[in-house]
Amino acid sequence: QVQLVESGGGLVQPGGSLRLSCAASGFTLDYYAIGWFRQAPGKEREGVSCISSSDGSTYYADSVKGRFTISRDNAKNTVYLQMNSLKPEDTAVYYCSADVYQPMCVMTISAYEYWGQGTQVTVSS
């Protein structure tokens, strides 16, 4: 059974850091493009970052560029999202997702077939 499980969310003060993890079971993560999306209350889900399986290339939304870093640990079948210099506007539920058809990642929600349950990130003083 294909499953993605996010962890690492929590409450952090502005300027703080969190590292989100996306652990896969039932399939090998490094074969697929992996994306991180987030959804804040009352807002649409938006793309944050993704990493391609073909060449490991990465993409970041402008709002997180320079602050967030996506990486993968193939031995652990896990993808990470390191989030630094967090801002209150980063508050959202963060989801990881897998695109099993395209090796190059795109920040299009409809491209991703598998989704985790999400992990809450709250940035507040």
PDB file of N, CA and C in Angstrom:
ATOM      1  N   GLN A   1       0.849  -1.183   0.000  1.00  0.00           N
ATOM      2  CA  GLN A   1       0.000   0.000   0.000  1.00  0.00           C
ATOM      3  C   GLN A   1       0.891   1.241   0.000  1.00  0.00           C
ATOM      4  N   VAL A   2       0.635   2.129  -0.940  1.00  0.00           N
ATOM      5  CA  VAL A   2       1.403   3.364  -1.041  1.00  0.00           C
ATOM      6  C   VAL A   2       0.952   4.341   0.035  1.00  0.00           C
ATOM      7  N   GLN A   3       1.910   4.859   0.771  1.00  0.00           N
ATOM      8  CA  GLN A   3       1.565   5.779   1.849  1.00  0.00           C
ATOM      9  C   GLN A   3       2.690   6.798   2.034  1.00  0.00           C
ATOM     10  N   LEU A   4       2.283   8.053   2.265  1.00  0.00           N
ATOM     11  CA  LEU A   4       3.207   9.127   2.606  1.00  0.00           C
ATOM     12  C   LEU A   4       2.812   9.649   3.972  1.00  0.00           C
ATOM     13  N   VAL A   5       3.785   9.823   4.843  1.00  0.00           N
ATOM     14  CA  VAL A   5       3.504  10.296   6.193  1.00  0.00           C
ATOM     15  C   VAL A   5       4.424  11.469   6.506  1.00  0.00           C
ATOM     16  N   GLU A   6       3.808  12.625   6.769  1.00  0.00           N
ATOM     17  CA  GLU A   6       4.567  13.806   7.144  1.00  0.00           C
ATOM     18  C   GLU A   6       4.727  13.877   8.664  1.00  0.00           C
ATOM     19  N   SER A   7       5.809  14.483   9.082  1.00  0.00           N
ATOM     20  CA  SER A   7       6.029  14.738  10.502  1.00  0.00           C
ATOM     21  C   SER A   7       6.955  15.940  10.641  1.00  0.00           C
ATOM     22  N   GLY A   8       7.063  16.436  11.863  1.00  0.00           N
ATOM     23  CA  GLY A   8       7.992  17.528  12.127  1.00  0.00           C
ATOM     24  C   GLY A   8       7.354  18.887  12.296  1.00  0.00           C
ATOM     25  N   GLY A   9       6.053  18.971  12.089  1.00  0.00           N
ATOM     26  CA  GLY A   9       5.389  20.253  12.276  1.00  0.00           C
ATOM     27  C   GLY A   9       5.297  20.621  13.746  1.00  0.00           C
ATOM     28  N   GLY A  10       4.847  21.844  13.993  1.00  0.00           N
ATOM     29  CA  GLY A  10       4.706  22.293  15.367  1.00  0.00           C
ATOM     30  C   GLY A  10       4.572  23.787  15.450  1.00  0.00           C
ATOM     31  N   LEU A  11       4.708  24.283  16.670  1.00  0.00           N
ATOM     32  CA  LEU A  11       4.627  25.720  16.934  1.00  0.00           C
ATOM     33  C   LEU A  11       6.042  26.265  17.081  1.00  0.00           C
ATOM     34  N   VAL A  12       6.333  27.332  16.366  1.00  0.00           N
ATOM     35  CA  VAL A  12       7.661  27.929  16.417  1.00  0.00           C
ATOM     36  C   VAL A  12       7.521  29.451  16.363  1.00  0.00           C
ATOM     37  N   GLN A  13       8.458  30.130  16.988  1.00  0.00           N
ATOM     38  CA  GLN A  13       8.429  31.595  16.972  1.00  0.00           C
ATOM     39  C   GLN A  13       8.945  32.115  15.638  1.00  0.00           C
ATOM     40  N   PRO A  14       8.542  33.312  15.262  1.00  0.00           N
ATOM     41  CA  PRO A  14       9.094  33.923  14.044  1.00  0.00           C
ATOM     42  C   PRO A  14      10.619  33.951  14.086  1.00  0.00           C
ATOM     43  N   GLY A  15      11.217  33.601  12.963  1.00  0.00           N
ATOM     44  CA  GLY A  15      12.666  33.505  12.892  1.00  0.00           C
ATOM     45  C   GLY A  15      13.207  32.137  13.209  1.00  0.00           C
ATOM     46  N   GLY A  16      12.361  31.260  13.705  1.00  0.00           N
ATOM     47  CA  GLY A  16      12.782  29.919  14.069  1.00  0.00           C
ATOM     48  C   GLY A  16      12.842  28.970  12.884  1.00  0.00           C
ATOM     49  N   SER A  17      13.145  27.723  13.192  1.00  0.00           N
ATOM     50  CA  SER A  17      13.314  26.697  12.156  1.00  0.00           C
ATOM     51  C   SER A  17      12.551  25.435  12.506  1.00  0.00           C
ATOM     52  N   LEU A  18      12.172  24.729  11.476  1.00  0.00           N
ATOM     53  CA  LEU A  18      11.582  23.392  11.600  1.00  0.00           C
ATOM     54  C   LEU A  18      12.077  22.556  10.431  1.00  0.00           C
ATOM     55  N   ARG A  19      12.141  21.252  10.645  1.00  0.00           N
ATOM     56  CA  ARG A  19      12.422  20.355   9.540  1.00  0.00           C
ATOM     57  C   ARG A  19      11.278  19.354   9.415  1.00  0.00           C
ATOM     58  N   LEU A  20      10.614  19.412   8.292  1.00  0.00           N
ATOM     59  CA  LEU A  20       9.532  18.480   8.006  1.00  0.00           C
ATOM     60  C   LEU A  20      10.101  17.242   7.309  1.00  0.00           C
ATOM     61  N   SER A  21       9.515  16.104   7.624  1.00  0.00           N
ATOM     62  CA  SER A  21       9.901  14.849   7.002  1.00  0.00           C
ATOM     63  C   SER A  21       8.711  14.251   6.269  1.00  0.00           C
ATOM     64  N   CYS A  22       8.992  13.587   5.172  1.00  0.00           N
ATOM     65  CA  CYS A  22       7.974  12.880   4.404  1.00  0.00           C
ATOM     66  C   CYS A  22       8.507  11.475   4.180  1.00  0.00           C
ATOM     67  N   ALA A  23       7.963  10.526   4.922  1.00  0.00           N
ATOM     68  CA  ALA A  23       8.415   9.144   4.828  1.00  0.00           C
ATOM     69  C   ALA A  23       7.456   8.348   3.960  1.00  0.00           C
ATOM     70  N   ALA A  24       8.012   7.548   3.078  1.00  0.00           N
ATOM     71  CA  ALA A  24       7.203   6.768   2.156  1.00  0.00           C
ATOM     72  C   ALA A  24       7.226   5.289   2.518  1.00  0.00           C
ATOM     73  N   SER A  25       6.113   4.644   2.267  1.00  0.00           N
ATOM     74  CA  SER A  25       6.045   3.193   2.383  1.00  0.00           C
ATOM     75  C   SER A  25       5.269   2.665   1.192  1.00  0.00           C
ATOM     76  N   GLY A  26       5.631   1.481   0.757  1.00  0.00           N
ATOM     77  CA  GLY A  26       4.945   0.883  -0.381  1.00  0.00           C
ATOM     78  C   GLY A  26       5.542   1.245  -1.724  1.00  0.00           C
ATOM     79  N   PHE A  27       6.468   2.178  -1.743  1.00  0.00           N
ATOM     80  CA  PHE A  27       7.163   2.517  -2.973  1.00  0.00           C
ATOM     81  C   PHE A  27       8.469   3.238  -2.631  1.00  0.00           C
ATOM     82  N   THR A  28       9.328   3.373  -3.629  1.00  0.00           N
ATOM     83  CA  THR A  28      10.636   3.984  -3.433  1.00  0.00           C
ATOM     84  C   THR A  28      10.584   5.435  -3.869  1.00  0.00           C
ATOM     85  N   LEU A  29      10.813   6.327  -2.918  1.00  0.00           N
ATOM     86  CA  LEU A  29      10.659   7.760  -3.170  1.00  0.00           C
ATOM     87  C   LEU A  29      11.577   8.280  -4.269  1.00  0.00           C
ATOM     88  N   ASP A  30      12.796   7.763  -4.369  1.00  0.00           N
ATOM     89  CA  ASP A  30      13.738   8.371  -5.291  1.00  0.00           C
ATOM     90  C   ASP A  30      13.403   8.100  -6.752  1.00  0.00           C
ATOM     91  N   TYR A  31      12.387   7.279  -6.999  1.00  0.00           N
ATOM     92  CA  TYR A  31      11.958   7.060  -8.378  1.00  0.00           C
ATOM     93  C   TYR A  31      11.015   8.158  -8.870  1.00  0.00           C
ATOM     94  N   TYR A  32      10.524   8.980  -7.943  1.00  0.00           N
ATOM     95  CA  TYR A  32       9.446   9.897  -8.291  1.00  0.00           C
ATOM     96  C   TYR A  32       9.754  11.329  -7.881  1.00  0.00           C
ATOM     97  N   ALA A  33       9.138  12.241  -8.583  1.00  0.00           N
ATOM     98  CA  ALA A  33       9.191  13.633  -8.171  1.00  0.00           C
ATOM     99  C   ALA A  33       8.349  13.805  -6.904  1.00  0.00           C
ATOM    100  N   ILE A  34       8.877  14.566  -5.974  1.00  0.00           N
ATOM    101  CA  ILE A  34       8.208  14.794  -4.696  1.00  0.00           C
ATOM    102  C   ILE A  34       7.974  16.278  -4.517  1.00  0.00           C
ATOM    103  N   GLY A  35       6.778  16.615  -4.107  1.00  0.00           N
ATOM    104  CA  GLY A  35       6.438  18.007  -3.898  1.00  0.00           C
ATOM    105  C   GLY A  35       5.967  18.265  -2.481  1.00  0.00           C
ATOM    106  N   TRP A  36       6.217  19.476  -2.029  1.00  0.00           N
ATOM    107  CA  TRP A  36       5.658  19.973  -0.763  1.00  0.00           C
ATOM    108  C   TRP A  36       4.679  21.091  -1.106  1.00  0.00           C
ATOM    109  N   PHE A  37       3.499  21.009  -0.549  1.00  0.00           N
ATOM    110  CA  PHE A  37       2.464  22.014  -0.725  1.00  0.00           C
ATOM    111  C   PHE A  37       2.006  22.455   0.663  1.00  0.00           C
ATOM    112  N   ARG A  38       1.331  23.571   0.721  1.00  0.00           N
ATOM    113  CA  ARG A  38       0.778  24.016   1.991  1.00  0.00           C
ATOM    114  C   ARG A  38      -0.571  24.677   1.772  1.00  0.00           C
ATOM    115  N   GLN A  39      -1.368  24.657   2.821  1.00  0.00           N
ATOM    116  CA  GLN A  39      -2.683  25.274   2.750  1.00  0.00           C
ATOM    117  C   GLN A  39      -2.959  25.978   4.068  1.00  0.00           C
ATOM    118  N   ALA A  40      -3.118  27.284   3.961  1.00  0.00           N
ATOM    119  CA  ALA A  40      -3.459  28.095   5.124  1.00  0.00           C
ATOM    120  C   ALA A  40      -4.976  28.202   5.234  1.00  0.00           C
ATOM    121  N   PRO A  41      -5.498  28.487   6.422  1.00  0.00           N
ATOM    122  CA  PRO A  41      -6.954  28.597   6.590  1.00  0.00           C
ATOM    123  C   PRO A  41      -7.551  29.614   5.638  1.00  0.00           C
ATOM    124  N   GLY A  42      -8.594  29.199   4.942  1.00  0.00           N
ATOM    125  CA  GLY A  42      -9.275  30.096   4.034  1.00  0.00           C
ATOM    126  C   GLY A  42      -8.571  30.359   2.724  1.00  0.00           C
ATOM    127  N   LYS A  43      -7.456  29.673   2.494  1.00  0.00           N
ATOM    128  CA  LYS A  43      -6.694  29.880   1.263  1.00  0.00           C
ATOM    129  C   LYS A  43      -6.580  28.582   0.478  1.00  0.00           C
ATOM    130  N   GLU A  44      -6.249  28.730  -0.795  1.00  0.00           N
ATOM    131  CA  GLU A  44      -6.060  27.561  -1.625  1.00  0.00           C
ATOM    132  C   GLU A  44      -4.708  26.912  -1.330  1.00  0.00           C
ATOM    133  N   ARG A  45      -4.628  25.631  -1.632  1.00  0.00           N
ATOM    134  CA  ARG A  45      -3.356  24.929  -1.485  1.00  0.00           C
ATOM    135  C   ARG A  45      -2.362  25.480  -2.508  1.00  0.00           C
ATOM    136  N   GLU A  46      -1.135  25.695  -2.065  1.00  0.00           N
ATOM    137  CA  GLU A  46      -0.129  26.258  -2.949  1.00  0.00           C
ATOM    138  C   GLU A  46       1.159  25.441  -2.900  1.00  0.00           C
ATOM    139  N   GLY A  47       1.890  25.484  -3.996  1.00  0.00           N
ATOM    140  CA  GLY A  47       3.151  24.776  -4.045  1.00  0.00           C
ATOM    141  C   GLY A  47       4.238  25.505  -3.285  1.00  0.00           C
ATOM    142  N   VAL A  48       5.071  24.757  -2.597  1.00  0.00           N
ATOM    143  CA  VAL A  48       6.166  25.320  -1.815  1.00  0.00           C
ATOM    144  C   VAL A  48       7.509  24.953  -2.442  1.00  0.00           C
ATOM    145  N   SER A  49       7.684  23.675  -2.696  1.00  0.00           N
ATOM    146  CA  SER A  49       8.962  23.207  -3.218  1.00  0.00           C
ATOM    147  C   SER A  49       8.784  21.810  -3.801  1.00  0.00           C
ATOM    148  N   CYS A  50       9.675  21.442  -4.705  1.00  0.00           N
ATOM    149  CA  CYS A  50       9.655  20.066  -5.204  1.00  0.00           C
ATOM    150  C   CYS A  50      11.060  19.654  -5.614  1.00  0.00           C
ATOM    151  N   ILE A  51      11.243  18.341  -5.720  1.00  0.00           N
ATOM    152  CA  ILE A  51      12.533  17.794  -6.115  1.00  0.00           C
ATOM    153  C   ILE A  51      12.298  16.699  -7.141  1.00  0.00           C
ATOM    154  N   SER A  52      13.049  16.772  -8.222  1.00  0.00           N
ATOM    155  CA  SER A  52      12.884  15.814  -9.306  1.00  0.00           C
ATOM    156  C   SER A  52      13.622  14.521  -9.006  1.00  0.00           C
ATOM    157  N   SER A  53      13.149  13.443  -9.602  1.00  0.00           N
ATOM    158  CA  SER A  53      13.825  12.159  -9.431  1.00  0.00           C
ATOM    159  C   SER A  53      14.934  11.980 -10.460  1.00  0.00           C
ATOM    160  N   SER A  54      14.783  12.586 -11.619  1.00  0.00           N
ATOM    161  CA  SER A  54      15.711  12.347 -12.722  1.00  0.00           C
ATOM    162  C   SER A  54      17.104  12.910 -12.451  1.00  0.00           C
ATOM    163  N   ASP A  55      17.159  14.153 -11.983  1.00  0.00           N
ATOM    164  CA  ASP A  55      18.461  14.791 -11.777  1.00  0.00           C
ATOM    165  C   ASP A  55      18.588  15.479 -10.431  1.00  0.00           C
ATOM    166  N   GLY A  56      17.578  15.327  -9.601  1.00  0.00           N
ATOM    167  CA  GLY A  56      17.629  15.952  -8.276  1.00  0.00           C
ATOM    168  C   GLY A  56      17.437  17.443  -8.294  1.00  0.00           C
ATOM    169  N   SER A  57      16.999  17.976  -9.434  1.00  0.00           N
ATOM    170  CA  SER A  57      16.783  19.424  -9.496  1.00  0.00           C
ATOM    171  C   SER A  57      15.638  19.817  -8.577  1.00  0.00           C
ATOM    172  N   THR A  58      15.693  21.031  -8.118  1.00  0.00           N
ATOM    173  CA  THR A  58      14.716  21.506  -7.140  1.00  0.00           C
ATOM    174  C   THR A  58      14.045  22.784  -7.615  1.00  0.00           C
ATOM    175  N   TYR A  59      12.912  23.043  -7.020  1.00  0.00           N
ATOM    176  CA  TYR A  59      12.158  24.263  -7.314  1.00  0.00           C
ATOM    177  C   TYR A  59      11.638  24.810  -5.999  1.00  0.00           C
ATOM    178  N   TYR A  60      11.617  26.146  -5.906  1.00  0.00           N
ATOM    179  CA  TYR A  60      11.076  26.801  -4.717  1.00  0.00           C
ATOM    180  C   TYR A  60      10.146  27.928  -5.128  1.00  0.00           C
ATOM    181  N   ALA A  61       9.053  28.050  -4.404  1.00  0.00           N
ATOM    182  CA  ALA A  61       8.196  29.211  -4.596  1.00  0.00           C
ATOM    183  C   ALA A  61       8.961  30.463  -4.170  1.00  0.00           C
ATOM    184  N   ASP A  62       8.658  31.575  -4.800  1.00  0.00           N
ATOM    185  CA  ASP A  62       9.364  32.815  -4.479  1.00  0.00           C
ATOM    186  C   ASP A  62       9.255  33.172  -3.000  1.00  0.00           C
ATOM    187  N   SER A  63       8.129  32.845  -2.412  1.00  0.00           N
ATOM    188  CA  SER A  63       7.887  33.222  -1.018  1.00  0.00           C
ATOM    189  C   SER A  63       8.795  32.491  -0.030  1.00  0.00           C
ATOM    190  N   VAL A  64       9.405  31.378  -0.451  1.00  0.00           N
ATOM    191  CA  VAL A  64      10.241  30.597   0.463  1.00  0.00           C
ATOM    192  C   VAL A  64      11.684  30.496  -0.011  1.00  0.00           C
ATOM    193  N   LYS A  65      11.957  31.005  -1.180  1.00  0.00           N
ATOM    194  CA  LYS A  65      13.298  30.890  -1.756  1.00  0.00           C
ATOM    195  C   LYS A  65      14.326  31.532  -0.831  1.00  0.00           C
ATOM    196  N   GLY A  66      15.403  30.814  -0.597  1.00  0.00           N
ATOM    197  CA  GLY A  66      16.453  31.304   0.290  1.00  0.00           C
ATOM    198  C   GLY A  66      16.231  30.962   1.748  1.00  0.00           C
ATOM    199  N   ARG A  67      15.046  30.480   2.085  1.00  0.00           N
ATOM    200  CA  ARG A  67      14.730  30.133   3.479  1.00  0.00           C
ATOM    201  C   ARG A  67      14.479  28.640   3.645  1.00  0.00           C
ATOM    202  N   PHE A  68      13.896  28.012   2.634  1.00  0.00           N
ATOM    203  CA  PHE A  68      13.548  26.597   2.696  1.00  0.00           C
ATOM    204  C   PHE A  68      14.501  25.797   1.806  1.00  0.00           C
ATOM    205  N   THR A  69      14.764  24.557   2.225  1.00  0.00           N
ATOM    206  CA  THR A  69      15.595  23.659   1.432  1.00  0.00           C
ATOM    207  C   THR A  69      14.971  22.272   1.413  1.00  0.00           C
ATOM    208  N   ILE A  70      14.791  21.743   0.208  1.00  0.00           N
ATOM    209  CA  ILE A  70      14.254  20.397   0.054  1.00  0.00           C
ATOM    210  C   ILE A  70      15.412  19.445  -0.217  1.00  0.00           C
ATOM    211  N   SER A  71      15.324  18.242   0.344  1.00  0.00           N
ATOM    212  CA  SER A  71      16.367  17.242   0.122  1.00  0.00           C
ATOM    213  C   SER A  71      15.760  15.864   0.283  1.00  0.00           C
ATOM    214  N   ARG A  72      16.506  14.868  -0.189  1.00  0.00           N
ATOM    215  CA  ARG A  72      16.015  13.509  -0.032  1.00  0.00           C
ATOM    216  C   ARG A  72      17.122  12.619   0.514  1.00  0.00           C
ATOM    217  N   ASP A  73      16.721  11.653   1.326  1.00  0.00           N
ATOM    218  CA  ASP A  73      17.632  10.632   1.837  1.00  0.00           C
ATOM    219  C   ASP A  73      17.114   9.303   1.323  1.00  0.00           C
ATOM    220  N   ASN A  74      17.721   8.827   0.257  1.00  0.00           N
ATOM    221  CA  ASN A  74      17.214   7.609  -0.374  1.00  0.00           C
ATOM    222  C   ASN A  74      17.338   6.394   0.542  1.00  0.00           C
ATOM    223  N   ALA A  75      18.349   6.362   1.361  1.00  0.00           N
ATOM    224  CA  ALA A  75      18.525   5.223   2.264  1.00  0.00           C
ATOM    225  C   ALA A  75      17.371   5.120   3.267  1.00  0.00           C
ATOM    226  N   LYS A  76      16.823   6.282   3.619  1.00  0.00           N
ATOM    227  CA  LYS A  76      15.707   6.312   4.573  1.00  0.00           C
ATOM    228  C   LYS A  76      14.361   6.434   3.878  1.00  0.00           C
ATOM    229  N   ASN A  77      14.400   6.508   2.540  1.00  0.00           N
ATOM    230  CA  ASN A  77      13.152   6.657   1.762  1.00  0.00           C
ATOM    231  C   ASN A  77      12.334   7.842   2.272  1.00  0.00           C
ATOM    232  N   THR A  78      13.030   8.938   2.489  1.00  0.00           N
ATOM    233  CA  THR A  78      12.424  10.117   3.111  1.00  0.00           C
ATOM    234  C   THR A  78      12.866  11.385   2.384  1.00  0.00           C
ATOM    235  N   VAL A  79      11.941  12.306   2.266  1.00  0.00           N
ATOM    236  CA  VAL A  79      12.241  13.641   1.740  1.00  0.00           C
ATOM    237  C   VAL A  79      12.035  14.644   2.867  1.00  0.00           C
ATOM    238  N   TYR A  80      12.912  15.631   2.928  1.00  0.00           N
ATOM    239  CA  TYR A  80      12.862  16.623   3.995  1.00  0.00           C
ATOM    240  C   TYR A  80      12.590  18.010   3.432  1.00  0.00           C
ATOM    241  N   LEU A  81      12.010  18.839   4.274  1.00  0.00           N
ATOM    242  CA  LEU A  81      11.879  20.265   3.970  1.00  0.00           C
ATOM    243  C   LEU A  81      12.408  21.026   5.175  1.00  0.00           C
ATOM    244  N   GLN A  82      13.608  21.555   5.033  1.00  0.00           N
ATOM    245  CA  GLN A  82      14.199  22.371   6.086  1.00  0.00           C
ATOM    246  C   GLN A  82      13.688  23.785   5.938  1.00  0.00           C
ATOM    247  N   MET A  83      13.073  24.303   6.972  1.00  0.00           N
ATOM    248  CA  MET A  83      12.457  25.628   6.932  1.00  0.00           C
ATOM    249  C   MET A  83      13.146  26.528   7.955  1.00  0.00           C
ATOM    250  N   ASN A  84      13.811  27.549   7.481  1.00  0.00           N
ATOM    251  CA  ASN A  84      14.498  28.508   8.340  1.00  0.00           C
ATOM    252  C   ASN A  84      13.861  29.885   8.223  1.00  0.00           C
ATOM    253  N   SER A  85      14.182  30.736   9.156  1.00  0.00           N
ATOM    254  CA  SER A  85      13.681  32.115   9.154  1.00  0.00           C
ATOM    255  C   SER A  85      12.166  32.148   8.936  1.00  0.00           C
ATOM    256  N   LEU A  86      11.486  31.336   9.688  1.00  0.00           N
ATOM    257  CA  LEU A  86      10.039  31.202   9.507  1.00  0.00           C
ATOM    258  C   LEU A  86       9.311  32.496   9.838  1.00  0.00           C
ATOM    259  N   LYS A  87       8.241  32.730   9.093  1.00  0.00           N
ATOM    260  CA  LYS A  87       7.426  33.923   9.248  1.00  0.00           C
ATOM    261  C   LYS A  87       5.993  33.519   9.592  1.00  0.00           C
ATOM    262  N   PRO A  88       5.231  34.394  10.195  1.00  0.00           N
ATOM    263  CA  PRO A  88       3.825  34.058  10.501  1.00  0.00           C
ATOM    264  C   PRO A  88       3.048  33.634   9.247  1.00  0.00           C
ATOM    265  N   GLU A  89       3.389  34.193   8.106  1.00  0.00           N
ATOM    266  CA  GLU A  89       2.680  33.827   6.879  1.00  0.00           C
ATOM    267  C   GLU A  89       3.039  32.427   6.371  1.00  0.00           C
ATOM    268  N   ASP A  90       3.993  31.771   7.004  1.00  0.00           N
ATOM    269  CA  ASP A  90       4.285  30.379   6.671  1.00  0.00           C
ATOM    270  C   ASP A  90       3.344  29.413   7.386  1.00  0.00           C
ATOM    271  N   THR A  91       2.522  29.937   8.273  1.00  0.00           N
ATOM    272  CA  THR A  91       1.575  29.102   9.005  1.00  0.00           C
ATOM    273  C   THR A  91       0.604  28.428   8.045  1.00  0.00           C
ATOM    274  N   ALA A  92       0.541  27.099   8.120  1.00  0.00           N
ATOM    275  CA  ALA A  92      -0.305  26.327   7.208  1.00  0.00           C
ATOM    276  C   ALA A  92      -0.181  24.852   7.560  1.00  0.00           C
ATOM    277  N   VAL A  93      -1.030  24.060   6.940  1.00  0.00           N
ATOM    278  CA  VAL A  93      -0.836  22.613   6.943  1.00  0.00           C
ATOM    279  C   VAL A  93       0.036  22.286   5.736  1.00  0.00           C
ATOM    280  N   TYR A  94       1.104  21.544   5.989  1.00  0.00           N
ATOM    281  CA  TYR A  94       2.043  21.199   4.937  1.00  0.00           C
ATOM    282  C   TYR A  94       1.844  19.747   4.519  1.00  0.00           C
ATOM    283  N   TYR A  95       1.778  19.543   3.214  1.00  0.00           N
ATOM    284  CA  TYR A  95       1.548  18.225   2.650  1.00  0.00           C
ATOM    285  C   TYR A  95       2.711  17.840   1.737  1.00  0.00           C
ATOM    286  N   CYS A  96       3.107  16.582   1.791  1.00  0.00           N
ATOM    287  CA  CYS A  96       4.026  16.088   0.767  1.00  0.00           C
ATOM    288  C   CYS A  96       3.232  15.226  -0.206  1.00  0.00           C
ATOM    289  N   SER A  97       3.761  15.120  -1.411  1.00  0.00           N
ATOM    290  CA  SER A  97       3.045  14.431  -2.468  1.00  0.00           C
ATOM    291  C   SER A  97       4.039  13.793  -3.427  1.00  0.00           C
ATOM    292  N   ALA A  98       3.576  12.775  -4.132  1.00  0.00           N
ATOM    293  CA  ALA A  98       4.424  12.066  -5.082  1.00  0.00           C
ATOM    294  C   ALA A  98       3.777  12.027  -6.459  1.00  0.00           C
ATOM    295  N   ASP A  99       4.589  12.326  -7.475  1.00  0.00           N
ATOM    296  CA  ASP A  99       4.156  12.246  -8.867  1.00  0.00           C
ATOM    297  C   ASP A  99       4.807  11.004  -9.455  1.00  0.00           C
ATOM    298  N   VAL A 100       4.007   9.992  -9.710  1.00  0.00           N
ATOM    299  CA  VAL A 100       4.564   8.710 -10.152  1.00  0.00           C
ATOM    300  C   VAL A 100       4.724   8.605 -11.660  1.00  0.00           C
ATOM    301  N   TYR A 101       4.376   9.662 -12.388  1.00  0.00           N
ATOM    302  CA  TYR A 101       4.434   9.595 -13.844  1.00  0.00           C
ATOM    303  C   TYR A 101       5.527  10.469 -14.447  1.00  0.00           C
ATOM    304  N   GLN A 102       5.904  11.529 -13.757  1.00  0.00           N
ATOM    305  CA  GLN A 102       6.868  12.458 -14.325  1.00  0.00           C
ATOM    306  C   GLN A 102       8.113  12.550 -13.453  1.00  0.00           C
ATOM    307  N   PRO A 103       9.297  12.343 -14.041  1.00  0.00           N
ATOM    308  CA  PRO A 103      10.526  12.432 -13.238  1.00  0.00           C
ATOM    309  C   PRO A 103      10.915  13.853 -12.877  1.00  0.00           C
ATOM    310  N   MET A 104      10.450  14.823 -13.686  1.00  0.00           N
ATOM    311  CA  MET A 104      10.761  16.222 -13.409  1.00  0.00           C
ATOM    312  C   MET A 104       9.609  16.832 -12.622  1.00  0.00           C
ATOM    313  N   CYS A 105       9.947  17.475 -11.525  1.00  0.00           N
ATOM    314  CA  CYS A 105       8.877  17.980 -10.666  1.00  0.00           C
ATOM    315  C   CYS A 105       8.281  19.257 -11.226  1.00  0.00           C
ATOM    316  N   VAL A 106       7.017  19.417 -10.957  1.00  0.00           N
ATOM    317  CA  VAL A 106       6.284  20.623 -11.304  1.00  0.00           C
ATOM    318  C   VAL A 106       5.448  21.016 -10.098  1.00  0.00           C
ATOM    319  N   MET A 107       5.136  22.285  -9.998  1.00  0.00           N
ATOM    320  CA  MET A 107       4.335  22.754  -8.867  1.00  0.00           C
ATOM    321  C   MET A 107       2.869  22.877  -9.259  1.00  0.00           C
ATOM    322  N   THR A 108       2.348  21.776  -9.772  1.00  0.00           N
ATOM    323  CA  THR A 108       0.953  21.701 -10.185  1.00  0.00           C
ATOM    324  C   THR A 108       0.286  20.617  -9.360  1.00  0.00           C
ATOM    325  N   ILE A 109      -0.711  20.992  -8.588  1.00  0.00           N
ATOM    326  CA  ILE A 109      -1.361  20.058  -7.674  1.00  0.00           C
ATOM    327  C   ILE A 109      -1.858  18.830  -8.409  1.00  0.00           C
ATOM    328  N   SER A 110      -2.462  19.023  -9.565  1.00  0.00           N
ATOM    329  CA  SER A 110      -3.074  17.906 -10.286  1.00  0.00           C
ATOM    330  C   SER A 110      -2.061  16.890 -10.799  1.00  0.00           C
ATOM    331  N   ALA A 111      -0.784  17.241 -10.801  1.00  0.00           N
ATOM    332  CA  ALA A 111       0.249  16.318 -11.282  1.00  0.00           C
ATOM    333  C   ALA A 111       0.582  15.234 -10.261  1.00  0.00           C
ATOM    334  N   TYR A 112       0.177  15.414  -9.029  1.00  0.00           N
ATOM    335  CA  TYR A 112       0.582  14.520  -7.945  1.00  0.00           C
ATOM    336  C   TYR A 112      -0.537  13.553  -7.586  1.00  0.00           C
ATOM    337  N   GLU A 113      -0.171  12.282  -7.556  1.00  0.00           N
ATOM    338  CA  GLU A 113      -1.173  11.242  -7.358  1.00  0.00           C
ATOM    339  C   GLU A 113      -1.324  10.817  -5.895  1.00  0.00           C
ATOM    340  N   TYR A 114      -0.239  10.898  -5.155  1.00  0.00           N
ATOM    341  CA  TYR A 114      -0.276  10.444  -3.767  1.00  0.00           C
ATOM    342  C   TYR A 114       0.023  11.596  -2.832  1.00  0.00           C
ATOM    343  N   TRP A 115      -0.725  11.637  -1.733  1.00  0.00           N
ATOM    344  CA  TRP A 115      -0.619  12.732  -0.765  1.00  0.00           C
ATOM    345  C   TRP A 115      -0.552  12.179   0.646  1.00  0.00           C
ATOM    346  N   GLY A 116       0.194  12.871   1.479  1.00  0.00           N
ATOM    347  CA  GLY A 116       0.175  12.566   2.898  1.00  0.00           C
ATOM    348  C   GLY A 116      -1.002  13.236   3.575  1.00  0.00           C
ATOM    349  N   GLN A 117      -1.091  13.037   4.881  1.00  0.00           N
ATOM    350  CA  GLN A 117      -2.231  13.565   5.636  1.00  0.00           C
ATOM    351  C   GLN A 117      -2.003  15.010   6.087  1.00  0.00           C
ATOM    352  N   GLY A 118      -0.775  15.461   5.995  1.00  0.00           N
ATOM    353  CA  GLY A 118      -0.456  16.837   6.353  1.00  0.00           C
ATOM    354  C   GLY A 118       0.072  16.969   7.769  1.00  0.00           C
ATOM    355  N   THR A 119       0.860  18.011   7.976  1.00  0.00           N
ATOM    356  CA  THR A 119       1.376  18.330   9.305  1.00  0.00           C
ATOM    357  C   THR A 119       1.251  19.840   9.514  1.00  0.00           C
ATOM    358  N   GLN A 120       0.785  20.225  10.680  1.00  0.00           N
ATOM    359  CA  GLN A 120       0.513  21.637  10.960  1.00  0.00           C
ATOM    360  C   GLN A 120       1.795  22.357  11.352  1.00  0.00           C
ATOM    361  N   VAL A 121       2.012  23.492  10.721  1.00  0.00           N
ATOM    362  CA  VAL A 121       3.104  24.399  11.088  1.00  0.00           C
ATOM    363  C   VAL A 121       2.482  25.719  11.498  1.00  0.00           C
ATOM    364  N   THR A 122       2.781  26.147  12.708  1.00  0.00           N
ATOM    365  CA  THR A 122       2.271  27.416  13.214  1.00  0.00           C
ATOM    366  C   THR A 122       3.443  28.282  13.632  1.00  0.00           C
ATOM    367  N   VAL A 123       3.518  29.468  13.047  1.00  0.00           N
ATOM    368  CA  VAL A 123       4.589  30.416  13.361  1.00  0.00           C
ATOM    369  C   VAL A 123       3.952  31.600  14.076  1.00  0.00           C
ATOM    370  N   SER A 124       4.253  31.703  15.353  1.00  0.00           N
ATOM    371  CA  SER A 124       3.608  32.737  16.164  1.00  0.00           C
ATOM    372  C   SER A 124       4.443  33.005  17.401  1.00  0.00           C
ATOM    373  N   SER A 125       4.385  34.250  17.857  1.00  0.00           N
ATOM    374  CA  SER A 125       5.065  34.608  19.089  1.00  0.00           C
ATOM    375  C   SER A 125       4.116  34.521  20.268  1.00  0.00           C
TER     376      SER A 125
END
